[in-house]
């Protein structure tokens, strides 16, 4: 999994915990199953965009595209 995905997931986990939510609570709020949240947080697969958007919305956060210092570019390997 790319580092940027791991970092994003770490932030989502931190937000979930700081909100006092269990994986099940978050899953219910995002209209997902607890196993989807567990799989996301395990970082074993790259999450689907629609899953990320549901989780972000349930956490009352936003997901933004912000250029890095050198501007947006394709960092594909």
C-alpha atoms as a PDB file:
ATOM      1  CA  UNK A   1       0.000   0.000   0.000  1.00  0.00           C
ATOM      2  CA  UNK A   2       1.357   3.466  -0.864  1.00  0.00           C
ATOM      3  CA  UNK A   3       2.586   5.614   2.030  1.00  0.00           C
ATOM      4  CA  UNK A   4       0.028   8.317   1.318  1.00  0.00           C
ATOM      5  CA  UNK A   5      -2.798   5.790   1.752  1.00  0.00           C
ATOM      6  CA  UNK A   6      -1.353   4.591   5.047  1.00  0.00           C
ATOM      7  CA  UNK A   7      -1.072   8.174   6.265  1.00  0.00           C
ATOM      8  CA  UNK A   8      -4.685   8.912   5.310  1.00  0.00           C
ATOM      9  CA  UNK A   9      -5.912   5.795   7.095  1.00  0.00           C
ATOM     10  CA  UNK A  10      -3.874   6.716  10.190  1.00  0.00           C
ATOM     11  CA  UNK A  11      -5.650  10.087  10.233  1.00  0.00           C
ATOM     12  CA  UNK A  12      -9.061   8.422   9.880  1.00  0.00           C
ATOM     13  CA  UNK A  13      -8.282   6.061  12.768  1.00  0.00           C
ATOM     14  CA  UNK A  14      -7.160   9.004  14.892  1.00  0.00           C
ATOM     15  CA  UNK A  15     -10.379  10.896  14.061  1.00  0.00           C
ATOM     16  CA  UNK A  16     -12.526   7.861  14.885  1.00  0.00           C
ATOM     17  CA  UNK A  17     -10.838   7.356  18.240  1.00  0.00           C
ATOM     18  CA  UNK A  18     -10.894  11.045  19.158  1.00  0.00           C
ATOM     19  CA  UNK A  19     -14.636  11.048  18.419  1.00  0.00           C
ATOM     20  CA  UNK A  20     -15.018   8.125  20.828  1.00  0.00           C
ATOM     21  CA  UNK A  21     -16.385   5.827  18.136  1.00  0.00           C
ATOM     22  CA  UNK A  22     -15.906   2.097  17.813  1.00  0.00           C
ATOM     23  CA  UNK A  23     -15.477   0.535  14.396  1.00  0.00           C
ATOM     24  CA  UNK A  24     -19.096  -0.608  14.656  1.00  0.00           C
ATOM     25  CA  UNK A  25     -20.306   2.918  15.519  1.00  0.00           C
ATOM     26  CA  UNK A  26     -18.433   4.343  12.534  1.00  0.00           C
ATOM     27  CA  UNK A  27     -19.684   1.596  10.251  1.00  0.00           C
ATOM     28  CA  UNK A  28     -23.284   2.297  11.241  1.00  0.00           C
ATOM     29  CA  UNK A  29     -22.834   6.049  10.713  1.00  0.00           C
ATOM     30  CA  UNK A  30     -21.216   5.471   7.303  1.00  0.00           C
ATOM     31  CA  UNK A  31     -23.782   2.840   6.247  1.00  0.00           C
ATOM     32  CA  UNK A  32     -21.024   0.230   5.964  1.00  0.00           C
ATOM     33  CA  UNK A  33     -20.273  -2.972   7.836  1.00  0.00           C
ATOM     34  CA  UNK A  34     -17.814  -3.237  10.701  1.00  0.00           C
ATOM     35  CA  UNK A  35     -15.743  -5.647   8.604  1.00  0.00           C
ATOM     36  CA  UNK A  36     -15.290  -2.953   5.931  1.00  0.00           C
ATOM     37  CA  UNK A  37     -13.977  -0.545   8.583  1.00  0.00           C
ATOM     38  CA  UNK A  38     -11.702  -3.238  10.027  1.00  0.00           C
ATOM     39  CA  UNK A  39     -10.331  -4.050   6.567  1.00  0.00           C
ATOM     40  CA  UNK A  40      -9.751  -0.340   5.883  1.00  0.00           C
ATOM     41  CA  UNK A  41      -7.961   0.170   9.192  1.00  0.00           C
ATOM     42  CA  UNK A  42      -5.812  -2.944   8.701  1.00  0.00           C
ATOM     43  CA  UNK A  43      -4.257  -1.268   5.630  1.00  0.00           C
ATOM     44  CA  UNK A  44      -4.275  -4.572   3.740  1.00  0.00           C
ATOM     45  CA  UNK A  45      -6.105  -3.171   0.720  1.00  0.00           C
ATOM     46  CA  UNK A  46      -6.298   0.237  -0.930  1.00  0.00           C
ATOM     47  CA  UNK A  47      -9.745   1.608  -0.053  1.00  0.00           C
ATOM     48  CA  UNK A  48     -12.327   2.462  -2.686  1.00  0.00           C
ATOM     49  CA  UNK A  49     -13.038   6.174  -3.066  1.00  0.00           C
ATOM     50  CA  UNK A  50     -16.733   5.765  -2.259  1.00  0.00           C
ATOM     51  CA  UNK A  51     -15.822   3.965   0.982  1.00  0.00           C
ATOM     52  CA  UNK A  52     -13.418   6.747   1.952  1.00  0.00           C
ATOM     53  CA  UNK A  53     -16.029   9.400   1.235  1.00  0.00           C
ATOM     54  CA  UNK A  54     -18.622   7.627   3.393  1.00  0.00           C
ATOM     55  CA  UNK A  55     -16.162   7.287   6.276  1.00  0.00           C
ATOM     56  CA  UNK A  56     -14.984  10.885   5.998  1.00  0.00           C
ATOM     57  CA  UNK A  57     -18.566  12.164   5.969  1.00  0.00           C
ATOM     58  CA  UNK A  58     -19.511   9.996   8.967  1.00  0.00           C
ATOM     59  CA  UNK A  59     -16.528  11.464  10.853  1.00  0.00           C
ATOM     60  CA  UNK A  60     -17.729  14.979   9.936  1.00  0.00           C
ATOM     61  CA  UNK A  61     -14.442  15.660   8.150  1.00  0.00           C
ATOM     62  CA  UNK A  62     -13.515  16.624   4.610  1.00  0.00           C
ATOM     63  CA  UNK A  63     -11.268  15.036   2.035  1.00  0.00           C
ATOM     64  CA  UNK A  64      -9.320  17.539  -0.040  1.00  0.00           C
ATOM     65  CA  UNK A  65      -6.794  17.445  -2.843  1.00  0.00           C
ATOM     66  CA  UNK A  66      -3.932  19.735  -1.939  1.00  0.00           C
ATOM     67  CA  UNK A  67      -0.898  20.166  -4.187  1.00  0.00           C
ATOM     68  CA  UNK A  68       2.418  19.296  -2.645  1.00  0.00           C
ATOM     69  CA  UNK A  69       5.160  21.933  -2.597  1.00  0.00           C
ATOM     70  CA  UNK A  70       6.092  21.259  -6.218  1.00  0.00           C
ATOM     71  CA  UNK A  71       2.476  21.195  -7.442  1.00  0.00           C
ATOM     72  CA  UNK A  72       0.260  18.301  -8.475  1.00  0.00           C
ATOM     73  CA  UNK A  73       1.988  15.657 -10.505  1.00  0.00           C
ATOM     74  CA  UNK A  74       1.712  11.980 -11.220  1.00  0.00           C
ATOM     75  CA  UNK A  75       3.797  10.027  -8.707  1.00  0.00           C
ATOM     76  CA  UNK A  76       2.881   6.604 -10.087  1.00  0.00           C
ATOM     77  CA  UNK A  77       5.544   3.954  -9.816  1.00  0.00           C
END
